[in-house]
Amino acid sequence: MTKNDLNAWSEADNRYHPCLMELWGNQRRLADIASMYMDQAHPGSMFTLRLRQKSSRSTEEHREHVRLILKGKCARVREYYRQHGERAGKELMEIISKYRINNL
């Protein structure tokens, strides 16, 4: 993946989250719920992909998730992942509001 290939980054991001659920050891039901949420968020994420700042913040957050999991710091992973989702969601909503995009 080249440094500025947003399509490749997006594809990797879409593979990352289900892999994280598996690595984290989530029960099948929780993983299914997370997958459903990500599927619903995906169109908005793809639509705003080139309107957002570069993905380096999310990429670093993803690396930190994995580091915390490997260290066995599950409570910290849950909190950090929640913060990541809130930040990313807020970022998307700001773009959607700024450009008055009402139907995604």
PDB file of N, CA and C in Angstrom:
ATOM      1  N   MET A   1       0.851  -1.166   0.000  1.00  0.00           N
ATOM      2  CA  MET A   1       0.000   0.000   0.000  1.00  0.00           C
ATOM      3  C   MET A   1       0.898   1.229   0.000  1.00  0.00           C
ATOM      4  N   THR A   2       0.683   2.102  -0.971  1.00  0.00           N
ATOM      5  CA  THR A   2       1.479   3.321  -1.011  1.00  0.00           C
ATOM      6  C   THR A   2       0.961   4.305   0.023  1.00  0.00           C
ATOM      7  N   LYS A   3       1.805   5.240   0.394  1.00  0.00           N
ATOM      8  CA  LYS A   3       1.511   6.165   1.485  1.00  0.00           C
ATOM      9  C   LYS A   3       0.211   6.941   1.288  1.00  0.00           C
ATOM     10  N   ASN A   4      -0.095   7.357   0.077  1.00  0.00           N
ATOM     11  CA  ASN A   4      -1.267   8.196  -0.165  1.00  0.00           C
ATOM     12  C   ASN A   4      -2.389   7.487  -0.916  1.00  0.00           C
ATOM     13  N   ASP A   5      -2.406   6.174  -0.908  1.00  0.00           N
ATOM     14  CA  ASP A   5      -3.445   5.413  -1.605  1.00  0.00           C
ATOM     15  C   ASP A   5      -4.647   5.253  -0.685  1.00  0.00           C
ATOM     16  N   LEU A   6      -5.599   6.189  -0.793  1.00  0.00           N
ATOM     17  CA  LEU A   6      -6.752   6.183   0.094  1.00  0.00           C
ATOM     18  C   LEU A   6      -7.648   4.967  -0.107  1.00  0.00           C
ATOM     19  N   ASN A   7      -7.763   4.507  -1.339  1.00  0.00           N
ATOM     20  CA  ASN A   7      -8.584   3.318  -1.582  1.00  0.00           C
ATOM     21  C   ASN A   7      -7.998   2.097  -0.883  1.00  0.00           C
ATOM     22  N   ALA A   8      -6.692   1.919  -0.988  1.00  0.00           N
ATOM     23  CA  ALA A   8      -6.038   0.785  -0.326  1.00  0.00           C
ATOM     24  C   ALA A   8      -6.142   0.927   1.190  1.00  0.00           C
ATOM     25  N   TRP A   9      -5.989   2.154   1.703  1.00  0.00           N
ATOM     26  CA  TRP A   9      -6.122   2.369   3.136  1.00  0.00           C
ATOM     27  C   TRP A   9      -7.530   1.996   3.596  1.00  0.00           C
ATOM     28  N   SER A  10      -8.538   2.421   2.845  1.00  0.00           N
ATOM     29  CA  SER A  10      -9.919   2.125   3.206  1.00  0.00           C
ATOM     30  C   SER A  10     -10.183   0.624   3.213  1.00  0.00           C
ATOM     31  N   GLU A  11      -9.664  -0.079   2.225  1.00  0.00           N
ATOM     32  CA  GLU A  11      -9.832  -1.536   2.175  1.00  0.00           C
ATOM     33  C   GLU A  11      -9.157  -2.194   3.376  1.00  0.00           C
ATOM     34  N   ALA A  12      -7.956  -1.718   3.718  1.00  0.00           N
ATOM     35  CA  ALA A  12      -7.247  -2.267   4.874  1.00  0.00           C
ATOM     36  C   ALA A  12      -8.015  -1.964   6.164  1.00  0.00           C
ATOM     37  N   ASP A  13      -8.569  -0.766   6.265  1.00  0.00           N
ATOM     38  CA  ASP A  13      -9.355  -0.387   7.434  1.00  0.00           C
ATOM     39  C   ASP A  13     -10.575  -1.285   7.575  1.00  0.00           C
ATOM     40  N   ASN A  14     -11.222  -1.605   6.467  1.00  0.00           N
ATOM     41  CA  ASN A  14     -12.393  -2.479   6.495  1.00  0.00           C
ATOM     42  C   ASN A  14     -12.039  -3.909   6.899  1.00  0.00           C
ATOM     43  N   ARG A  15     -10.828  -4.342   6.640  1.00  0.00           N
ATOM     44  CA  ARG A  15     -10.381  -5.675   7.074  1.00  0.00           C
ATOM     45  C   ARG A  15      -9.908  -5.643   8.522  1.00  0.00           C
ATOM     46  N   TYR A  16      -9.369  -4.490   8.938  1.00  0.00           N
ATOM     47  CA  TYR A  16      -8.786  -4.358  10.277  1.00  0.00           C
ATOM     48  C   TYR A  16      -9.813  -4.596  11.387  1.00  0.00           C
ATOM     49  N   HIS A  17     -10.944  -3.929  11.295  1.00  0.00           N
ATOM     50  CA  HIS A  17     -11.903  -3.972  12.400  1.00  0.00           C
ATOM     51  C   HIS A  17     -12.425  -5.385  12.684  1.00  0.00           C
ATOM     52  N   PRO A  18     -12.826  -6.167  11.685  1.00  0.00           N
ATOM     53  CA  PRO A  18     -13.213  -7.559  11.988  1.00  0.00           C
ATOM     54  C   PRO A  18     -12.047  -8.385  12.548  1.00  0.00           C
ATOM     55  N   CYS A  19     -10.848  -8.143  12.046  1.00  0.00           N
ATOM     56  CA  CYS A  19      -9.678  -8.864  12.571  1.00  0.00           C
ATOM     57  C   CYS A  19      -9.427  -8.496  14.026  1.00  0.00           C
ATOM     58  N   LEU A  20      -9.637  -7.223  14.358  1.00  0.00           N
ATOM     59  CA  LEU A  20      -9.459  -6.793  15.742  1.00  0.00           C
ATOM     60  C   LEU A  20     -10.441  -7.510  16.653  1.00  0.00           C
ATOM     61  N   MET A  21     -11.685  -7.620  16.207  1.00  0.00           N
ATOM     62  CA  MET A  21     -12.688  -8.328  17.006  1.00  0.00           C
ATOM     63  C   MET A  21     -12.256  -9.769  17.251  1.00  0.00           C
ATOM     64  N   GLU A  22     -11.714 -10.401  16.222  1.00  0.00           N
ATOM     65  CA  GLU A  22     -11.267 -11.786  16.350  1.00  0.00           C
ATOM     66  C   GLU A  22     -10.067 -11.882  17.291  1.00  0.00           C
ATOM     67  N   LEU A  23      -9.101 -10.984  17.134  1.00  0.00           N
ATOM     68  CA  LEU A  23      -7.915 -10.978  17.975  1.00  0.00           C
ATOM     69  C   LEU A  23      -8.284 -10.703  19.429  1.00  0.00           C
ATOM     70  N   TRP A  24      -9.246  -9.837  19.615  1.00  0.00           N
ATOM     71  CA  TRP A  24      -9.691  -9.459  20.949  1.00  0.00           C
ATOM     72  C   TRP A  24     -10.427 -10.609  21.622  1.00  0.00           C
ATOM     73  N   GLY A  25     -10.898 -11.563  20.821  1.00  0.00           N
ATOM     74  CA  GLY A  25     -11.562 -12.731  21.372  1.00  0.00           C
ATOM     75  C   GLY A  25     -13.030 -12.496  21.668  1.00  0.00           C
ATOM     76  N   ASN A  26     -13.650 -11.590  20.949  1.00  0.00           N
ATOM     77  CA  ASN A  26     -15.060 -11.300  21.190  1.00  0.00           C
ATOM     78  C   ASN A  26     -15.936 -12.490  20.842  1.00  0.00           C
ATOM     79  N   GLN A  27     -17.040 -12.572  21.553  1.00  0.00           N
ATOM     80  CA  GLN A  27     -18.013 -13.602  21.265  1.00  0.00           C
ATOM     81  C   GLN A  27     -18.609 -13.332  19.890  1.00  0.00           C
ATOM     82  N   ARG A  28     -19.089 -14.348  19.255  1.00  0.00           N
ATOM     83  CA  ARG A  28     -19.634 -14.249  17.894  1.00  0.00           C
ATOM     84  C   ARG A  28     -20.744 -13.197  17.796  1.00  0.00           C
ATOM     85  N   ARG A  29     -21.634 -13.131  18.759  1.00  0.00           N
ATOM     86  CA  ARG A  29     -22.762 -12.182  18.721  1.00  0.00           C
ATOM     87  C   ARG A  29     -22.259 -10.746  18.743  1.00  0.00           C
ATOM     88  N   LEU A  30     -21.303 -10.453  19.607  1.00  0.00           N
ATOM     89  CA  LEU A  30     -20.758  -9.105  19.690  1.00  0.00           C
ATOM     90  C   LEU A  30     -20.043  -8.736  18.392  1.00  0.00           C
ATOM     91  N   ALA A  31     -19.303  -9.670  17.829  1.00  0.00           N
ATOM     92  CA  ALA A  31     -18.623  -9.426  16.560  1.00  0.00           C
ATOM     93  C   ALA A  31     -19.631  -9.167  15.447  1.00  0.00           C
ATOM     94  N   ASP A  32     -20.752  -9.897  15.457  1.00  0.00           N
ATOM     95  CA  ASP A  32     -21.801  -9.681  14.450  1.00  0.00           C
ATOM     96  C   ASP A  32     -22.407  -8.287  14.581  1.00  0.00           C
ATOM     97  N   ILE A  33     -22.647  -7.851  15.813  1.00  0.00           N
ATOM     98  CA  ILE A  33     -23.206  -6.516  16.042  1.00  0.00           C
ATOM     99  C   ILE A  33     -22.222  -5.453  15.558  1.00  0.00           C
ATOM    100  N   ALA A  34     -20.962  -5.603  15.887  1.00  0.00           N
ATOM    101  CA  ALA A  34     -19.944  -4.645  15.444  1.00  0.00           C
ATOM    102  C   ALA A  34     -19.858  -4.617  13.926  1.00  0.00           C
ATOM    103  N   SER A  35     -19.931  -5.783  13.294  1.00  0.00           N
ATOM    104  CA  SER A  35     -19.877  -5.863  11.834  1.00  0.00           C
ATOM    105  C   SER A  35     -21.072  -5.157  11.202  1.00  0.00           C
ATOM    106  N   MET A  36     -22.260  -5.323  11.795  1.00  0.00           N
ATOM    107  CA  MET A  36     -23.453  -4.665  11.290  1.00  0.00           C
ATOM    108  C   MET A  36     -23.297  -3.141  11.381  1.00  0.00           C
ATOM    109  N   TYR A  37     -22.776  -2.661  12.494  1.00  0.00           N
ATOM    110  CA  TYR A  37     -22.545  -1.230  12.663  1.00  0.00           C
ATOM    111  C   TYR A  37     -21.556  -0.715  11.614  1.00  0.00           C
ATOM    112  N   MET A  38     -20.468  -1.447  11.414  1.00  0.00           N
ATOM    113  CA  MET A  38     -19.460  -1.018  10.438  1.00  0.00           C
ATOM    114  C   MET A  38     -20.025  -1.024   9.022  1.00  0.00           C
ATOM    115  N   ASP A  39     -20.868  -2.006   8.702  1.00  0.00           N
ATOM    116  CA  ASP A  39     -21.506  -2.049   7.384  1.00  0.00           C
ATOM    117  C   ASP A  39     -22.392  -0.833   7.159  1.00  0.00           C
ATOM    118  N   GLN A  40     -23.077  -0.391   8.212  1.00  0.00           N
ATOM    119  CA  GLN A  40     -23.940   0.786   8.091  1.00  0.00           C
ATOM    120  C   GLN A  40     -23.129   2.065   7.966  1.00  0.00           C
ATOM    121  N   ALA A  41     -21.996   2.136   8.626  1.00  0.00           N
ATOM    122  CA  ALA A  41     -21.161   3.332   8.596  1.00  0.00           C
ATOM    123  C   ALA A  41     -20.318   3.418   7.320  1.00  0.00           C
ATOM    124  N   HIS A  42     -20.107   2.289   6.658  1.00  0.00           N
ATOM    125  CA  HIS A  42     -19.199   2.238   5.505  1.00  0.00           C
ATOM    126  C   HIS A  42     -19.554   3.216   4.373  1.00  0.00           C
ATOM    127  N   PRO A  43     -20.822   3.330   3.948  1.00  0.00           N
ATOM    128  CA  PRO A  43     -21.112   4.277   2.855  1.00  0.00           C
ATOM    129  C   PRO A  43     -20.712   5.715   3.200  1.00  0.00           C
ATOM    130  N   GLY A  44     -20.995   6.148   4.419  1.00  0.00           N
ATOM    131  CA  GLY A  44     -20.607   7.496   4.835  1.00  0.00           C
ATOM    132  C   GLY A  44     -19.103   7.653   4.879  1.00  0.00           C
ATOM    133  N   SER A  45     -18.444   6.619   5.341  1.00  0.00           N
ATOM    134  CA  SER A  45     -16.986   6.647   5.410  1.00  0.00           C
ATOM    135  C   SER A  45     -16.371   6.742   4.016  1.00  0.00           C
ATOM    136  N   MET A  46     -16.892   5.950   3.083  1.00  0.00           N
ATOM    137  CA  MET A  46     -16.362   5.990   1.711  1.00  0.00           C
ATOM    138  C   MET A  46     -16.669   7.324   1.031  1.00  0.00           C
ATOM    139  N   PHE A  47     -17.866   7.852   1.272  1.00  0.00           N
ATOM    140  CA  PHE A  47     -18.258   9.115   0.649  1.00  0.00           C
ATOM    141  C   PHE A  47     -17.363  10.258   1.115  1.00  0.00           C
ATOM    142  N   THR A  48     -16.989  10.243   2.381  1.00  0.00           N
ATOM    143  CA  THR A  48     -16.191  11.339   2.941  1.00  0.00           C
ATOM    144  C   THR A  48     -14.687  11.071   2.898  1.00  0.00           C
ATOM    145  N   LEU A  49     -14.270   9.949   2.347  1.00  0.00           N
ATOM    146  CA  LEU A  49     -12.866   9.536   2.378  1.00  0.00           C
ATOM    147  C   LEU A  49     -11.920  10.634   1.915  1.00  0.00           C
ATOM    148  N   ARG A  50     -12.228  11.287   0.818  1.00  0.00           N
ATOM    149  CA  ARG A  50     -11.329  12.314   0.285  1.00  0.00           C
ATOM    150  C   ARG A  50     -11.598  13.703   0.859  1.00  0.00           C
ATOM    151  N   LEU A  51     -12.595  13.818   1.687  1.00  0.00           N
ATOM    152  CA  LEU A  51     -12.893  15.087   2.343  1.00  0.00           C
ATOM    153  C   LEU A  51     -12.244  15.174   3.720  1.00  0.00           C
ATOM    154  N   ARG A  52     -11.800  14.026   4.227  1.00  0.00           N
ATOM    155  CA  ARG A  52     -11.192  13.964   5.562  1.00  0.00           C
ATOM    156  C   ARG A  52      -9.705  14.247   5.496  1.00  0.00           C
ATOM    157  N   GLN A  53      -9.147  14.529   6.675  1.00  0.00           N
ATOM    158  CA  GLN A  53      -7.698  14.631   6.767  1.00  0.00           C
ATOM    159  C   GLN A  53      -7.112  13.245   6.536  1.00  0.00           C
ATOM    160  N   LYS A  54      -5.840  13.200   6.223  1.00  0.00           N
ATOM    161  CA  LYS A  54      -5.206  11.894   5.992  1.00  0.00           C
ATOM    162  C   LYS A  54      -5.431  10.977   7.182  1.00  0.00           C
ATOM    163  N   SER A  55      -5.406   9.710   6.921  1.00  0.00           N
ATOM    164  CA  SER A  55      -5.799   8.687   7.880  1.00  0.00           C
ATOM    165  C   SER A  55      -4.730   8.333   8.906  1.00  0.00           C
ATOM    166  N   SER A  56      -3.676   9.104   9.022  1.00  0.00           N
ATOM    167  CA  SER A  56      -2.582   8.723   9.905  1.00  0.00           C
ATOM    168  C   SER A  56      -3.023   8.603  11.364  1.00  0.00           C
ATOM    169  N   ARG A  57      -3.983   9.417  11.792  1.00  0.00           N
ATOM    170  CA  ARG A  57      -4.444   9.319  13.179  1.00  0.00           C
ATOM    171  C   ARG A  57      -5.133   7.980  13.431  1.00  0.00           C
ATOM    172  N   SER A  58      -6.028   7.593  12.550  1.00  0.00           N
ATOM    173  CA  SER A  58      -6.695   6.293  12.707  1.00  0.00           C
ATOM    174  C   SER A  58      -5.695   5.151  12.634  1.00  0.00           C
ATOM    175  N   THR A  59      -4.740   5.262  11.728  1.00  0.00           N
ATOM    176  CA  THR A  59      -3.736   4.204  11.594  1.00  0.00           C
ATOM    177  C   THR A  59      -2.943   4.055  12.889  1.00  0.00           C
ATOM    178  N   GLU A  60      -2.532   5.149  13.489  1.00  0.00           N
ATOM    179  CA  GLU A  60      -1.795   5.080  14.749  1.00  0.00           C
ATOM    180  C   GLU A  60      -2.680   4.538  15.869  1.00  0.00           C
ATOM    181  N   GLU A  61      -3.958   4.927  15.877  1.00  0.00           N
ATOM    182  CA  GLU A  61      -4.877   4.379  16.872  1.00  0.00           C
ATOM    183  C   GLU A  61      -5.025   2.872  16.697  1.00  0.00           C
ATOM    184  N   HIS A  62      -5.080   2.401  15.461  1.00  0.00           N
ATOM    185  CA  HIS A  62      -5.162   0.960  15.203  1.00  0.00           C
ATOM    186  C   HIS A  62      -3.926   0.249  15.748  1.00  0.00           C
ATOM    187  N   ARG A  63      -2.764   0.820  15.522  1.00  0.00           N
ATOM    188  CA  ARG A  63      -1.525   0.208  16.039  1.00  0.00           C
ATOM    189  C   ARG A  63      -1.561   0.130  17.563  1.00  0.00           C
ATOM    190  N   GLU A  64      -2.052   1.181  18.196  1.00  0.00           N
ATOM    191  CA  GLU A  64      -2.124   1.193  19.658  1.00  0.00           C
ATOM    192  C   GLU A  64      -3.108   0.133  20.159  1.00  0.00           C
ATOM    193  N   HIS A  65      -4.224  -0.068  19.457  1.00  0.00           N
ATOM    194  CA  HIS A  65      -5.165  -1.130  19.845  1.00  0.00           C
ATOM    195  C   HIS A  65      -4.443  -2.471  19.904  1.00  0.00           C
ATOM    196  N   VAL A  66      -3.717  -2.774  18.853  1.00  0.00           N
ATOM    197  CA  VAL A  66      -3.025  -4.067  18.780  1.00  0.00           C
ATOM    198  C   VAL A  66      -1.968  -4.173  19.879  1.00  0.00           C
ATOM    199  N   ARG A  67      -1.204  -3.106  20.102  1.00  0.00           N
ATOM    200  CA  ARG A  67      -0.189  -3.125  21.176  1.00  0.00           C
ATOM    201  C   ARG A  67      -0.842  -3.421  22.528  1.00  0.00           C
ATOM    202  N   LEU A  68      -1.964  -2.769  22.804  1.00  0.00           N
ATOM    203  CA  LEU A  68      -2.649  -2.982  24.081  1.00  0.00           C
ATOM    204  C   LEU A  68      -3.180  -4.405  24.204  1.00  0.00           C
ATOM    205  N   ILE A  69      -3.720  -4.945  23.124  1.00  0.00           N
ATOM    206  CA  ILE A  69      -4.213  -6.323  23.145  1.00  0.00           C
ATOM    207  C   ILE A  69      -3.070  -7.283  23.435  1.00  0.00           C
ATOM    208  N   LEU A  70      -1.962  -7.094  22.753  1.00  0.00           N
ATOM    209  CA  LEU A  70      -0.818  -7.993  22.944  1.00  0.00           C
ATOM    210  C   LEU A  70      -0.249  -7.903  24.355  1.00  0.00           C
ATOM    211  N   LYS A  71      -0.437  -6.760  25.009  1.00  0.00           N
ATOM    212  CA  LYS A  71       0.014  -6.594  26.391  1.00  0.00           C
ATOM    213  C   LYS A  71      -1.027  -7.102  27.386  1.00  0.00           C
ATOM    214  N   GLY A  72      -2.209  -7.514  26.882  1.00  0.00           N
ATOM    215  CA  GLY A  72      -3.253  -8.030  27.752  1.00  0.00           C
ATOM    216  C   GLY A  72      -4.019  -6.956  28.508  1.00  0.00           C
ATOM    217  N   LYS A  73      -4.004  -5.742  28.024  1.00  0.00           N
ATOM    218  CA  LYS A  73      -4.675  -4.623  28.705  1.00  0.00           C
ATOM    219  C   LYS A  73      -6.078  -4.424  28.130  1.00  0.00           C
ATOM    220  N   CYS A  74      -6.948  -5.393  28.397  1.00  0.00           N
ATOM    221  CA  CYS A  74      -8.274  -5.424  27.781  1.00  0.00           C
ATOM    222  C   CYS A  74      -9.134  -4.224  28.155  1.00  0.00           C
ATOM    223  N   ALA A  75      -9.125  -3.813  29.401  1.00  0.00           N
ATOM    224  CA  ALA A  75      -9.948  -2.666  29.805  1.00  0.00           C
ATOM    225  C   ALA A  75      -9.503  -1.409  29.057  1.00  0.00           C
ATOM    226  N   ARG A  76      -8.213  -1.249  28.920  1.00  0.00           N
ATOM    227  CA  ARG A  76      -7.690  -0.078  28.209  1.00  0.00           C
ATOM    228  C   ARG A  76      -8.047  -0.153  26.725  1.00  0.00           C
ATOM    229  N   VAL A  77      -8.015  -1.351  26.148  1.00  0.00           N
ATOM    230  CA  VAL A  77      -8.385  -1.525  24.739  1.00  0.00           C
ATOM    231  C   VAL A  77      -9.838  -1.103  24.525  1.00  0.00           C
ATOM    232  N   ARG A  78     -10.715  -1.570  25.391  1.00  0.00           N
ATOM    233  CA  ARG A  78     -12.136  -1.214  25.253  1.00  0.00           C
ATOM    234  C   ARG A  78     -12.324   0.294  25.278  1.00  0.00           C
ATOM    235  N   GLU A  79     -11.700   0.969  26.223  1.00  0.00           N
ATOM    236  CA  GLU A  79     -11.844   2.423  26.344  1.00  0.00           C
ATOM    237  C   GLU A  79     -11.227   3.136  25.145  1.00  0.00           C
ATOM    238  N   TYR A  80     -10.047   2.702  24.741  1.00  0.00           N
ATOM    239  CA  TYR A  80      -9.360   3.339  23.612  1.00  0.00           C
ATOM    240  C   TYR A  80     -10.140   3.131  22.318  1.00  0.00           C
ATOM    241  N   TYR A  81     -10.690   1.932  22.142  1.00  0.00           N
ATOM    242  CA  TYR A  81     -11.470   1.634  20.932  1.00  0.00           C
ATOM    243  C   TYR A  81     -12.756   2.459  20.899  1.00  0.00           C
ATOM    244  N   ARG A  82     -13.384   2.624  22.059  1.00  0.00           N
ATOM    245  CA  ARG A  82     -14.591   3.452  22.156  1.00  0.00           C
ATOM    246  C   ARG A  82     -14.258   4.898  21.780  1.00  0.00           C
ATOM    247  N   GLN A  83     -13.156   5.410  22.307  1.00  0.00           N
ATOM    248  CA  GLN A  83     -12.735   6.774  21.993  1.00  0.00           C
ATOM    249  C   GLN A  83     -12.439   6.923  20.495  1.00  0.00           C
ATOM    250  N   HIS A  84     -11.806   5.918  19.932  1.00  0.00           N
ATOM    251  CA  HIS A  84     -11.494   5.923  18.504  1.00  0.00           C
ATOM    252  C   HIS A  84     -12.784   6.019  17.690  1.00  0.00           C
ATOM    253  N   GLY A  85     -13.766   5.203  18.020  1.00  0.00           N
ATOM    254  CA  GLY A  85     -15.043   5.213  17.310  1.00  0.00           C
ATOM    255  C   GLY A  85     -15.761   6.542  17.448  1.00  0.00           C
ATOM    256  N   GLU A  86     -15.750   7.102  18.643  1.00  0.00           N
ATOM    257  CA  GLU A  86     -16.402   8.397  18.857  1.00  0.00           C
ATOM    258  C   GLU A  86     -15.706   9.503  18.060  1.00  0.00           C
ATOM    259  N   ARG A  87     -14.382   9.493  18.073  1.00  0.00           N
ATOM    260  CA  ARG A  87     -13.637  10.514  17.338  1.00  0.00           C
ATOM    261  C   ARG A  87     -13.892  10.401  15.845  1.00  0.00           C
ATOM    262  N   ALA A  88     -13.813   9.191  15.336  1.00  0.00           N
ATOM    263  CA  ALA A  88     -14.015   8.976  13.898  1.00  0.00           C
ATOM    264  C   ALA A  88     -15.451   9.331  13.500  1.00  0.00           C
ATOM    265  N   GLY A  89     -16.426   8.944  14.314  1.00  0.00           N
ATOM    266  CA  GLY A  89     -17.813   9.271  14.031  1.00  0.00           C
ATOM    267  C   GLY A  89     -18.063  10.770  14.046  1.00  0.00           C
ATOM    268  N   LYS A  90     -17.480  11.445  15.007  1.00  0.00           N
ATOM    269  CA  LYS A  90     -17.616  12.910  15.091  1.00  0.00           C
ATOM    270  C   LYS A  90     -17.006  13.573  13.856  1.00  0.00           C
ATOM    271  N   GLU A  91     -15.855  13.067  13.444  1.00  0.00           N
ATOM    272  CA  GLU A  91     -15.183  13.601  12.255  1.00  0.00           C
ATOM    273  C   GLU A  91     -16.080  13.460  11.022  1.00  0.00           C
ATOM    274  N   LEU A  92     -16.686  12.289  10.858  1.00  0.00           N
ATOM    275  CA  LEU A  92     -17.594  12.070   9.721  1.00  0.00           C
ATOM    276  C   LEU A  92     -18.812  12.980   9.797  1.00  0.00           C
ATOM    277  N   MET A  93     -19.396  13.104  10.982  1.00  0.00           N
ATOM    278  CA  MET A  93     -20.591  13.937  11.136  1.00  0.00           C
ATOM    279  C   MET A  93     -20.289  15.412  10.872  1.00  0.00           C
ATOM    280  N   GLU A  94     -19.110  15.869  11.240  1.00  0.00           N
ATOM    281  CA  GLU A  94     -18.729  17.262  10.960  1.00  0.00           C
ATOM    282  C   GLU A  94     -18.655  17.507   9.455  1.00  0.00           C
ATOM    283  N   ILE A  95     -18.111  16.564   8.715  1.00  0.00           N
ATOM    284  CA  ILE A  95     -18.026  16.701   7.260  1.00  0.00           C
ATOM    285  C   ILE A  95     -19.423  16.665   6.651  1.00  0.00           C
ATOM    286  N   ILE A  96     -20.233  15.723   7.106  1.00  0.00           N
ATOM    287  CA  ILE A  96     -21.594  15.603   6.576  1.00  0.00           C
ATOM    288  C   ILE A  96     -22.377  16.891   6.830  1.00  0.00           C
ATOM    289  N   SER A  97     -22.229  17.467   8.026  1.00  0.00           N
ATOM    290  CA  SER A  97     -22.906  18.731   8.337  1.00  0.00           C
ATOM    291  C   SER A  97     -22.344  19.896   7.518  1.00  0.00           C
ATOM    292  N   LYS A  98     -21.033  19.966   7.417  1.00  0.00           N
ATOM    293  CA  LYS A  98     -20.387  21.061   6.692  1.00  0.00           C
ATOM    294  C   LYS A  98     -20.862  21.126   5.245  1.00  0.00           C
ATOM    295  N   TYR A  99     -20.976  19.975   4.607  1.00  0.00           N
ATOM    296  CA  TYR A  99     -21.364  19.931   3.188  1.00  0.00           C
ATOM    297  C   TYR A  99     -22.878  19.702   3.008  1.00  0.00           C
ATOM    298  N   ARG A 100     -23.615  19.699   4.117  1.00  0.00           N
ATOM    299  CA  ARG A 100     -25.076  19.531   4.106  1.00  0.00           C
ATOM    300  C   ARG A 100     -25.509  18.295   3.323  1.00  0.00           C
ATOM    301  N   ILE A 101     -24.846  17.216   3.643  1.00  0.00           N
ATOM    302  CA  ILE A 101     -25.154  15.939   3.008  1.00  0.00           C
ATOM    303  C   ILE A 101     -26.214  15.256   3.878  1.00  0.00           C
ATOM    304  N   ASN A 102     -27.407  15.117   3.342  1.00  0.00           N
ATOM    305  CA  ASN A 102     -28.497  14.602   4.158  1.00  0.00           C
ATOM    306  C   ASN A 102     -28.901  13.167   3.839  1.00  0.00           C
ATOM    307  N   ASN A 103     -28.534  12.659   2.680  1.00  0.00           N
ATOM    308  CA  ASN A 103     -28.998  11.322   2.280  1.00  0.00           C
ATOM    309  C   ASN A 103     -27.847  10.432   1.871  1.00  0.00           C
ATOM    310  N   LEU A 104     -27.285   9.723   2.818  1.00  0.00           N
ATOM    311  CA  LEU A 104     -26.223   8.777   2.497  1.00  0.00           C
ATOM    312  C   LEU A 104     -26.780   7.377   2.546  1.00  0.00           C
TER     313      LEU A 104
END
